[in-house]
Amino acid sequence: MQYDLVFEGGGAKGMVFVGALQELERRGHTFGRFLGTSAGAIMATFAAAGLTVGEMVAALNEKDDHGVPIFQQFLGEPRPFTRPEIDASVTRQALQAIDLPGVPGNVEAYIDRIVLYLMTRQEFAHVFSFVERGGWFSADAFVTWARAKLDQATPTGQARDLSRQTFAEFNRSTGRELSLVAADTTAGRMLVLNHRTAPLVPVVWGMRMSMSLPLIWQEVIWQPEWGDYMGTPVVGHRIVDGGLLSNFPIELFLSSDPHVTALMGHRTSQGVLGLLIDESLPVGNDEARSVPPPSTGTELVKLPPAARIRGLIDTATQAHDKLVIDAFEQFVCRLPARGYGTTEFDMSDVRREALVAAGQRAAEAYFTQIETEGMKGPDVFAMERALRRADQSAVRILQGAGTRE
């Protein structure tokens, strides 16, 4: 059976998707359209690019020369700050606005330069990056890694050469419908990036925008060469994780509303399947495996202010997504992830293998239940029964995010 696949966001927990894809492949299912948010955007892109489950497993097992998981490099040091960037920074403007009583202007200017110099040094670069670039960490290593995966030759030795392709070029090369969800914080709206809405955007940068957890990774600035979004100029806009507005927009694949299909295209597959990361479900019988070891490089997310902001974001998105999940439960395969962290990129081999295995078991149980009930899975008839609700929900999310004019 052919499915349109929806991948939820979830950071490092998204490794569970590989197990689910293993089971889908084992059962001989094929795929039509792909839709992903955040970590789900990465998996959606790799699946659309034709990476096999074996290649994905190998990618999860990658380590650097020191035996450190490659994913930990995604929490990278900020790249050096340029002089124009420093001169135009809000930090510099704030320092200039401070008037030190009794201190001559030339001395104040000298003090400002010293403070800016110290803040842009390696010891304080994360703070300056947080203020000026919207995130504590650089994700440059992720872009390099993602490009390498998209250029990786197939198991038969055939070149892919997809790393520099735009959404339009990717669609022509692969014949696949790929849509990635991001959030435009400048315009306050959701972006659905694909070959219809943003044809000139490089797919790698679509992944990078969609996975940019607010406060954690630096924002992505929309570049002039990427053109417009749905005919609207967005150059200079700040783009972050699509999960800010919807982490699981499965209704976009279920709806047949003309405004939605103008973005997503029409359904051609027999079914829609949403892969949902469920933090309430245990990964395995060994509960010790669900207790993350001390992580390095993630101190920011442990601070109370960051935790509060993430809590507000999660509450806002989960409230909407829970309504969607409840409405379209028959299309949702729940994948266990209890005890796993969103930024746990230094995950041990044992924990990663347990997570992937749990994903495979969950998908197996999902299809076994369908078969037990004498069904062939979420088919076009089930989709038609949910169509009205999907239309209403999809239009609502696009209107609420400012995407529909």
Protein backbone atom coordinates (compact mmCIF):
# COMPACT_ATOMS: atom_id res chain seq x y z
CA MET A 1 0.00 0.00 0.00
CA GLN A 2 1.19 3.52 -0.71
CA TYR A 3 1.12 6.10 2.08
CA ASP A 4 1.59 9.84 2.32
CA LEU A 5 3.86 10.15 5.37
CA VAL A 6 3.80 12.82 8.06
CA PHE A 7 6.77 13.06 10.45
CA GLU A 8 6.36 14.92 13.74
CA GLY A 9 9.07 17.15 15.20
CA GLY A 10 10.99 16.00 18.25
CA GLY A 11 14.71 16.76 18.03
CA ALA A 12 16.95 13.82 18.87
CA LYS A 13 13.89 11.70 19.63
CA GLY A 14 13.26 11.65 15.88
CA MET A 15 15.66 8.70 15.66
CA VAL A 16 12.63 6.56 16.52
CA PHE A 17 11.34 7.17 12.96
CA VAL A 18 14.00 4.87 11.56
CA GLY A 19 12.51 1.92 13.39
CA ALA A 20 9.05 2.71 12.04
CA LEU A 21 10.42 2.98 8.50
CA GLN A 22 12.11 -0.39 8.97
CA GLU A 23 8.72 -1.95 9.62
CA LEU A 24 7.07 -0.16 6.72
CA GLU A 25 9.83 -1.36 4.41
CA ARG A 26 9.57 -4.91 5.77
CA ARG A 27 5.86 -4.95 4.96
CA GLY A 28 6.45 -3.72 1.43
CA HIS A 29 4.64 -0.40 1.78
CA THR A 30 5.62 2.45 -0.53
CA PHE A 31 5.43 6.23 -0.12
CA GLY A 32 3.85 9.10 -2.00
CA ARG A 33 4.11 12.58 -0.47
CA PHE A 34 6.30 13.53 2.50
CA LEU A 35 5.61 16.17 5.15
CA GLY A 36 7.86 16.90 8.11
CA THR A 37 8.49 19.38 10.89
CA SER A 38 11.81 19.90 12.73
CA ALA A 39 13.43 16.46 13.20
CA GLY A 40 10.60 15.11 11.08
CA ALA A 41 11.74 17.42 8.27
CA ILE A 42 15.12 15.70 8.27
CA MET A 43 13.61 12.23 8.07
CA ALA A 44 11.06 13.32 5.46
CA THR A 45 13.82 14.74 3.27
CA PHE A 46 16.02 11.67 3.55
CA ALA A 47 13.10 9.37 2.77
CA ALA A 48 12.10 11.53 -0.21
CA ALA A 49 15.72 11.47 -1.40
CA GLY A 50 15.55 7.68 -1.50
CA LEU A 51 17.88 6.87 1.39
CA THR A 52 17.30 3.30 2.44
CA VAL A 53 16.64 2.30 6.03
CA GLY A 54 20.13 0.78 6.08
CA GLU A 55 21.63 4.11 5.08
CA MET A 56 19.64 5.88 7.77
CA VAL A 57 20.80 3.40 10.41
CA ALA A 58 24.39 3.97 9.30
CA ALA A 59 23.86 7.73 9.59
CA LEU A 60 22.58 7.33 13.15
CA ASN A 61 25.67 5.31 14.05
CA GLU A 62 28.14 7.88 12.70
CA LYS A 63 30.90 9.03 15.02
CA ASP A 64 33.79 11.43 14.63
CA ASP A 65 37.48 10.49 14.92
CA HIS A 66 37.21 10.61 18.71
CA GLY A 67 34.26 8.24 18.90
CA VAL A 68 31.75 11.01 19.68
CA PRO A 69 28.30 10.72 18.02
CA ILE A 70 28.23 12.99 14.98
CA PHE A 71 24.94 14.51 16.12
CA GLN A 72 26.62 16.12 19.11
CA GLN A 73 28.48 18.36 16.67
CA PHE A 74 25.16 19.95 15.76
CA LEU A 75 25.41 21.91 19.02
CA GLY A 76 28.30 23.88 17.56
CA GLU A 77 30.30 26.93 18.50
CA PRO A 78 29.03 30.14 16.88
CA ARG A 79 30.99 31.10 13.78
CA PRO A 80 33.09 34.30 14.14
CA PHE A 81 31.22 37.60 14.17
CA THR A 82 32.04 40.03 11.40
CA ARG A 83 32.84 43.68 12.03
CA PRO A 84 29.69 44.89 10.20
CA GLU A 85 27.61 42.47 12.27
CA ILE A 86 29.12 43.74 15.51
CA ASP A 87 28.73 47.39 14.49
CA ALA A 88 25.05 46.85 13.63
CA SER A 89 24.31 44.71 16.69
CA VAL A 90 21.59 45.53 19.21
CA THR A 91 24.21 44.91 21.90
CA ARG A 92 26.28 47.79 20.60
CA GLN A 93 23.20 49.99 20.41
CA ALA A 94 22.32 49.12 24.00
CA LEU A 95 25.83 49.94 25.20
CA GLN A 96 25.76 53.28 23.39
CA ALA A 97 22.45 54.10 25.04
CA ILE A 98 23.94 53.68 28.51
CA ASP A 99 25.20 56.94 29.96
CA LEU A 100 27.80 56.54 32.70
CA PRO A 101 27.58 59.61 34.97
CA GLY A 102 30.80 61.58 35.10
CA VAL A 103 32.54 59.46 32.45
CA PRO A 104 33.74 61.33 29.33
CA GLY A 105 32.21 60.24 26.02
CA ASN A 106 35.50 59.04 24.56
CA VAL A 107 36.09 56.86 27.63
CA GLU A 108 32.57 55.41 27.38
CA ALA A 109 33.19 54.58 23.72
CA TYR A 110 36.42 52.82 24.70
CA ILE A 111 34.61 50.82 27.40
CA ASP A 112 31.93 49.87 24.87
CA ARG A 113 34.56 48.55 22.49
CA ILE A 114 36.17 46.51 25.27
CA VAL A 115 32.82 44.99 26.28
CA LEU A 116 31.97 44.12 22.66
CA TYR A 117 35.40 42.59 22.18
CA LEU A 118 34.98 40.40 25.25
CA MET A 119 31.44 39.36 24.32
CA THR A 120 32.52 38.16 20.88
CA ARG A 121 35.42 36.12 22.22
CA GLN A 122 34.99 32.36 22.36
CA GLU A 123 34.29 32.39 26.11
CA PHE A 124 31.19 34.55 25.68
CA ALA A 125 30.33 33.93 22.01
CA HIS A 126 27.27 31.85 22.90
CA VAL A 127 25.77 34.79 24.79
CA PHE A 128 26.36 37.18 21.89
CA SER A 129 24.97 34.59 19.46
CA PHE A 130 21.90 34.16 21.65
CA VAL A 131 21.21 37.90 21.61
CA GLU A 132 22.14 38.69 18.01
CA ARG A 133 21.44 35.47 16.11
CA GLY A 134 18.54 34.14 18.15
CA GLY A 135 20.22 30.93 19.30
CA TRP A 136 22.90 29.63 21.64
CA PHE A 137 24.41 27.19 19.14
CA SER A 138 25.46 27.16 15.50
CA ALA A 139 24.06 24.41 13.28
CA ASP A 140 26.72 24.78 10.56
CA ALA A 141 27.84 21.20 11.21
CA PHE A 142 24.31 20.00 10.54
CA VAL A 143 24.23 21.68 7.12
CA THR A 144 27.56 20.06 6.21
CA TRP A 145 26.37 16.64 7.40
CA ALA A 146 22.98 16.91 5.64
CA ARG A 147 24.66 17.84 2.36
CA ALA A 148 26.95 14.84 2.63
CA LYS A 149 23.95 12.52 3.16
CA LEU A 150 22.09 13.96 0.16
CA ASP A 151 25.16 13.52 -2.04
CA GLN A 152 25.87 10.01 -0.79
CA ALA A 153 25.86 7.42 -3.56
CA THR A 154 23.11 4.83 -3.51
CA PRO A 155 23.95 1.27 -2.36
CA THR A 156 24.25 0.40 -6.07
CA GLY A 157 26.80 3.17 -6.62
CA GLN A 158 24.52 5.63 -8.40
CA ALA A 159 25.21 9.29 -7.63
CA ARG A 160 22.49 11.32 -5.90
CA ASP A 161 23.95 14.84 -6.07
CA LEU A 162 20.97 16.40 -4.29
CA SER A 163 22.75 18.59 -1.74
CA ARG A 164 22.67 21.83 -3.74
CA GLN A 165 19.25 21.38 -5.26
CA THR A 166 16.33 23.70 -4.66
CA PHE A 167 12.85 22.38 -3.91
CA ALA A 168 11.95 22.74 -7.60
CA GLU A 169 15.08 20.88 -8.74
CA PHE A 170 14.61 18.21 -6.05
CA ASN A 171 11.05 17.58 -7.22
CA ARG A 172 12.17 17.19 -10.83
CA SER A 173 15.11 14.94 -9.92
CA THR A 174 13.32 12.61 -7.52
CA GLY A 175 9.72 12.89 -8.65
CA ARG A 176 8.82 13.18 -4.95
CA GLU A 177 6.49 15.65 -3.23
CA LEU A 178 8.40 17.02 -0.23
CA SER A 179 6.99 19.67 2.13
CA LEU A 180 8.78 21.03 5.21
CA VAL A 181 7.16 23.22 7.88
CA ALA A 182 8.91 26.29 9.28
CA ALA A 183 7.87 29.44 11.15
CA ASP A 184 8.44 33.01 9.95
CA THR A 185 8.75 34.96 13.20
CA THR A 186 9.13 38.26 11.35
CA ALA A 187 5.74 37.94 9.61
CA GLY A 188 4.20 35.74 12.30
CA ARG A 189 3.08 32.93 10.02
CA MET A 190 3.65 29.30 9.20
CA LEU A 191 5.64 28.40 6.09
CA VAL A 192 5.06 25.19 4.15
CA LEU A 193 8.19 24.92 2.03
CA ASN A 194 7.95 22.92 -1.17
CA HIS A 195 8.36 23.27 -4.93
CA ARG A 196 5.09 25.20 -5.21
CA THR A 197 5.55 27.73 -2.43
CA ALA A 198 9.33 28.25 -2.32
CA PRO A 199 10.83 26.73 -5.49
CA LEU A 200 14.19 28.54 -5.22
CA VAL A 201 14.97 27.60 -1.61
CA PRO A 202 17.69 24.93 -1.29
CA VAL A 203 16.25 21.79 0.30
CA VAL A 204 19.12 21.66 2.80
CA TRP A 205 18.23 25.14 4.03
CA GLY A 206 14.58 24.12 4.22
CA MET A 207 15.68 21.36 6.60
CA ARG A 208 17.84 23.82 8.51
CA MET A 209 14.96 26.28 8.92
CA SER A 210 12.50 23.63 10.03
CA MET A 211 14.81 22.12 12.68
CA SER A 212 15.90 25.44 14.23
CA LEU A 213 14.63 25.07 17.79
CA PRO A 214 14.03 28.60 19.14
CA LEU A 215 16.76 29.78 21.53
CA ILE A 216 18.80 26.64 20.90
CA TRP A 217 19.94 27.09 17.30
CA GLN A 218 20.52 30.36 15.52
CA GLU A 219 17.68 31.68 13.39
CA VAL A 220 17.93 31.39 9.61
CA ILE A 221 17.71 34.64 7.66
CA TRP A 222 15.88 34.32 4.33
CA GLN A 223 18.37 35.12 1.58
CA PRO A 224 17.70 37.19 -1.60
CA GLU A 225 18.61 34.31 -3.93
CA TRP A 226 15.84 32.18 -2.36
CA GLY A 227 13.17 34.34 -4.00
CA ASP A 228 9.68 34.87 -2.64
CA TYR A 229 7.38 32.67 -0.58
CA MET A 230 4.11 32.19 -2.47
CA GLY A 231 4.84 35.39 -4.38
CA THR A 232 5.43 37.43 -1.22
CA PRO A 233 8.88 38.97 -0.56
CA VAL A 234 10.39 37.61 2.66
CA VAL A 235 14.06 38.56 2.25
CA GLY A 236 15.62 39.24 5.65
CA HIS A 237 12.85 37.49 7.59
CA ARG A 238 13.85 35.36 10.55
CA ILE A 239 12.86 31.69 10.19
CA VAL A 240 12.79 29.09 12.97
CA ASP A 241 11.45 25.63 13.85
CA GLY A 242 8.07 24.85 12.31
CA GLY A 243 7.04 23.22 15.60
CA LEU A 244 6.54 26.74 16.93
CA LEU A 245 3.19 26.74 15.11
CA SER A 246 2.39 23.10 14.37
CA ASN A 247 4.48 20.08 15.18
CA PHE A 248 2.16 17.56 13.54
CA PRO A 249 0.14 19.13 10.69
CA ILE A 250 -1.35 15.88 9.39
CA GLU A 251 -4.53 17.69 8.36
CA LEU A 252 -2.59 19.28 5.49
CA PHE A 253 -2.43 15.86 3.83
CA LEU A 254 -6.03 14.93 4.65
CA SER A 255 -7.70 18.10 3.47
CA SER A 256 -9.04 18.65 -0.03
CA ASP A 257 -9.83 22.34 0.51
CA PRO A 258 -8.65 24.27 -2.58
CA HIS A 259 -6.53 26.65 -0.50
CA VAL A 260 -4.75 23.69 1.09
CA THR A 261 -4.25 21.66 -2.08
CA ALA A 262 -2.78 24.77 -3.72
CA LEU A 263 0.08 24.35 -1.24
CA MET A 264 0.20 20.59 -0.83
CA GLY A 265 -1.03 19.14 -4.11
CA HIS A 266 -3.78 16.53 -4.40
CA ARG A 267 -3.86 13.14 -2.74
CA THR A 268 -2.58 10.35 -4.95
CA SER A 269 -1.74 7.71 -2.33
CA GLN A 270 -4.16 5.16 -0.89
CA GLY A 271 -3.58 6.29 2.67
CA VAL A 272 -2.11 8.85 5.01
CA LEU A 273 0.07 7.80 7.94
CA GLY A 274 1.28 10.13 10.67
CA LEU A 275 4.33 9.08 12.68
CA LEU A 276 3.87 10.64 16.12
CA ILE A 277 6.49 10.72 18.89
CA ASP A 278 4.64 9.82 22.09
CA GLU A 279 6.57 10.70 25.26
CA SER A 280 4.03 8.88 27.42
CA LEU A 281 4.97 5.49 25.99
CA PRO A 282 7.96 3.59 27.44
CA VAL A 283 10.75 2.63 25.09
CA GLY A 284 11.37 -0.78 26.62
CA ASN A 285 11.04 -2.98 29.67
CA ASP A 286 14.38 -1.81 30.99
CA GLU A 287 13.41 1.54 32.52
CA ALA A 288 17.09 2.34 33.10
CA ARG A 289 17.39 2.82 29.38
CA SER A 290 14.86 5.63 29.60
CA VAL A 291 16.97 7.71 31.98
CA PRO A 292 19.27 9.97 29.93
CA PRO A 293 22.90 10.23 31.00
CA PRO A 294 24.33 13.64 31.87
CA SER A 295 24.47 15.65 28.66
CA THR A 296 27.14 18.09 27.64
CA GLY A 297 26.68 21.36 25.81
CA THR A 298 22.98 21.71 26.65
CA GLU A 299 23.17 23.85 29.78
CA LEU A 300 21.05 26.58 28.22
CA VAL A 301 17.96 24.42 27.87
CA LYS A 302 18.20 23.50 31.56
CA LEU A 303 18.01 27.12 32.73
CA PRO A 304 14.61 28.13 34.18
CA PRO A 305 13.97 30.99 31.68
CA ALA A 306 14.61 28.72 28.69
CA ALA A 307 12.52 25.95 30.21
CA ARG A 308 9.61 28.36 30.74
CA ILE A 309 9.75 29.61 27.16
CA ARG A 310 9.93 26.08 25.79
CA GLY A 311 7.01 25.16 28.04
CA LEU A 312 4.91 27.99 26.63
CA ILE A 313 5.75 26.97 23.06
CA ASP A 314 5.04 23.30 23.73
CA THR A 315 1.74 24.08 25.45
CA ALA A 316 0.58 26.27 22.57
CA THR A 317 1.47 23.76 19.86
CA GLN A 318 0.38 20.66 21.77
CA ALA A 319 -3.05 22.14 22.45
CA HIS A 320 -3.68 22.37 18.69
CA ASP A 321 -1.89 19.17 17.78
CA LYS A 322 -3.77 17.18 20.44
CA LEU A 323 -7.09 18.20 18.88
CA VAL A 324 -5.80 17.06 15.49
CA ILE A 325 -4.45 13.77 16.83
CA ASP A 326 -7.72 12.99 18.61
CA ALA A 327 -9.72 13.80 15.47
CA PHE A 328 -7.59 11.66 13.13
CA GLU A 329 -6.41 8.93 15.49
CA GLN A 330 -6.93 6.23 12.86
CA PHE A 331 -4.15 7.77 10.79
CA VAL A 332 -1.64 8.03 13.65
CA CYS A 333 1.07 5.55 14.61
CA ARG A 334 2.40 6.40 18.07
CA LEU A 335 6.13 5.86 18.58
CA PRO A 336 7.56 5.55 22.13
CA ALA A 337 10.07 8.11 23.43
CA ARG A 338 9.56 8.36 27.20
CA GLY A 339 12.68 9.55 28.99
CA TYR A 340 14.46 10.79 25.85
CA GLY A 341 15.51 14.41 25.45
CA THR A 342 14.90 16.74 22.52
CA THR A 343 18.55 17.83 22.51
CA GLU A 344 20.04 14.46 23.56
CA PHE A 345 22.40 14.35 20.61
CA ASP A 346 25.08 12.65 22.70
CA MET A 347 22.80 9.61 23.01
CA SER A 348 24.64 6.37 23.73
CA ASP A 349 24.57 3.48 21.28
CA VAL A 350 22.46 1.41 23.69
CA ARG A 351 19.83 4.14 24.10
CA ARG A 352 19.72 4.87 20.38
CA GLU A 353 19.32 1.21 19.47
CA ALA A 354 16.58 0.83 22.09
CA LEU A 355 14.73 3.84 20.62
CA VAL A 356 14.95 2.54 17.04
CA ALA A 357 13.81 -0.93 18.12
CA ALA A 358 10.87 0.59 19.99
CA GLY A 359 9.85 2.45 16.84
CA GLN A 360 9.88 -0.79 14.85
CA ARG A 361 7.78 -2.60 17.48
CA ALA A 362 5.26 0.24 17.65
CA ALA A 363 4.79 0.26 13.87
CA GLU A 364 4.45 -3.51 13.87
CA ALA A 365 1.76 -3.31 16.58
CA TYR A 366 -0.05 -0.59 14.62
CA PHE A 367 -0.31 -2.66 11.45
CA THR A 368 -1.05 -5.86 13.37
CA GLN A 369 -4.02 -4.14 14.99
CA ILE A 370 -5.25 -2.97 11.60
CA GLU A 371 -4.99 -6.49 10.23
CA THR A 372 -6.71 -7.94 13.31
CA GLU A 373 -9.62 -5.59 12.80
CA GLY A 374 -9.87 -6.82 9.22
CA MET A 375 -8.89 -3.52 7.64
CA LYS A 376 -6.31 -2.65 5.02
CA GLY A 377 -5.24 0.46 6.86
CA PRO A 378 -6.26 4.11 6.63
CA ASP A 379 -7.75 4.12 3.13
CA VAL A 380 -9.47 6.66 0.93
CA PHE A 381 -12.86 5.86 2.44
CA ALA A 382 -11.64 6.59 5.97
CA MET A 383 -10.06 9.77 4.68
CA GLU A 384 -13.34 10.87 3.12
CA ARG A 385 -15.13 10.39 6.44
CA ALA A 386 -12.62 12.69 8.10
CA LEU A 387 -12.44 15.13 5.18
CA ARG A 388 -14.73 17.80 6.57
CA ARG A 389 -12.83 17.94 9.85
CA ALA A 390 -9.51 17.95 8.00
CA ASP A 391 -10.60 20.83 5.76
CA GLN A 392 -11.69 22.91 8.73
CA SER A 393 -8.57 22.17 10.75
CA ALA A 394 -6.14 22.69 7.85
CA VAL A 395 -7.67 26.02 6.83
CA ARG A 396 -7.74 27.11 10.47
CA ILE A 397 -4.04 26.41 10.98
CA LEU A 398 -3.07 28.20 7.78
CA GLN A 399 -5.28 31.19 8.57
CA GLY A 400 -4.07 31.34 12.16
CA ALA A 401 -0.47 31.30 10.99
CA GLY A 402 -1.06 33.91 8.33
CA THR A 403 -0.31 31.58 5.41
CA ARG A 404 -3.66 31.83 3.67
CA GLU A 405 -4.31 35.25 2.22
